Protein backbone atom coordinates (compact mmCIF):
# COMPACT_ATOMS: atom_id res chain seq x y z
CA MET A 1 29.61 -10.62 33.56
CA PRO A 2 29.18 -7.72 31.07
CA PRO A 3 26.48 -8.02 28.39
CA LEU A 4 27.47 -9.30 24.97
CA VAL A 5 27.46 -6.52 22.37
CA VAL A 6 26.85 -7.49 18.76
CA LEU A 7 27.56 -4.86 16.15
CA THR A 8 25.56 -5.40 12.99
CA ARG A 9 24.98 -3.12 10.07
CA SER A 10 23.19 -3.63 6.80
CA THR A 11 22.49 -1.44 3.79
CA PRO A 12 19.52 -2.78 1.79
CA SER A 13 18.01 -1.96 -1.56
CA ALA A 14 14.42 -3.11 -2.16
CA ALA A 15 11.59 -3.17 -4.68
CA ASN A 16 7.93 -4.11 -4.33
CA SER A 17 5.19 -4.47 -6.93
CA GLY A 18 1.59 -5.64 -6.73
CA PHE A 19 -1.50 -6.26 -8.82
CA THR A 20 -5.11 -6.66 -7.68
CA TYR A 21 -7.99 -7.73 -9.91
CA VAL A 22 -11.25 -7.16 -8.03
CA PRO A 23 -13.74 -9.07 -10.27
CA TRP A 24 -11.74 -12.29 -9.70
CA MET A 25 -10.86 -11.32 -6.09
CA LEU A 26 -7.21 -12.04 -6.94
CA SER A 27 -4.06 -10.35 -5.65
CA VAL A 28 -0.45 -10.89 -6.75
CA ASN A 29 2.52 -9.23 -5.01
CA PHE A 30 6.24 -9.48 -5.70
CA HIS A 31 9.06 -8.18 -3.55
CA GLY A 32 12.80 -8.43 -3.69
CA PHE A 33 15.68 -6.99 -1.75
CA TYR A 34 19.44 -7.09 -1.71
CA GLU A 35 21.55 -6.45 1.36
CA TYR A 36 24.99 -5.15 0.55
CA ALA A 37 27.74 -3.84 2.79
CA ALA A 38 26.45 -6.10 5.57
CA ARG A 39 28.62 -6.47 8.64
CA GLY A 40 27.96 -9.10 11.31
CA ARG A 41 25.15 -10.80 9.30
CA PHE A 42 24.59 -12.56 6.02
CA GLN A 43 24.73 -10.57 2.83
CA GLY A 44 22.70 -11.42 -0.25
CA GLN A 45 19.37 -11.22 -2.00
CA SER A 46 15.86 -12.48 -1.43
CA PHE A 47 12.75 -12.63 -3.59
CA GLY A 48 9.15 -13.35 -2.70
CA LEU A 49 5.95 -13.91 -4.67
CA ASN A 50 2.57 -13.93 -2.93
CA ILE A 51 -0.67 -14.94 -4.65
CA ALA A 52 -4.02 -14.68 -2.88
CA LYS A 53 -7.42 -15.75 -4.25
CA MET A 54 -10.64 -15.32 -2.30
CA PHE A 55 -13.26 -18.06 -2.72
């Protein structure tokens, strides 16, 4: 049986931003991306916010 070939293609656009405040040992990062012209996969956008505090 021949192997299954899946053709996928995606064209993303992304942005990332972060902030670190050393005296509080705090870090905040934000990222977002949008996949457009996707073929063989989902198309859309995603956002993420990460907050880290060291104790």
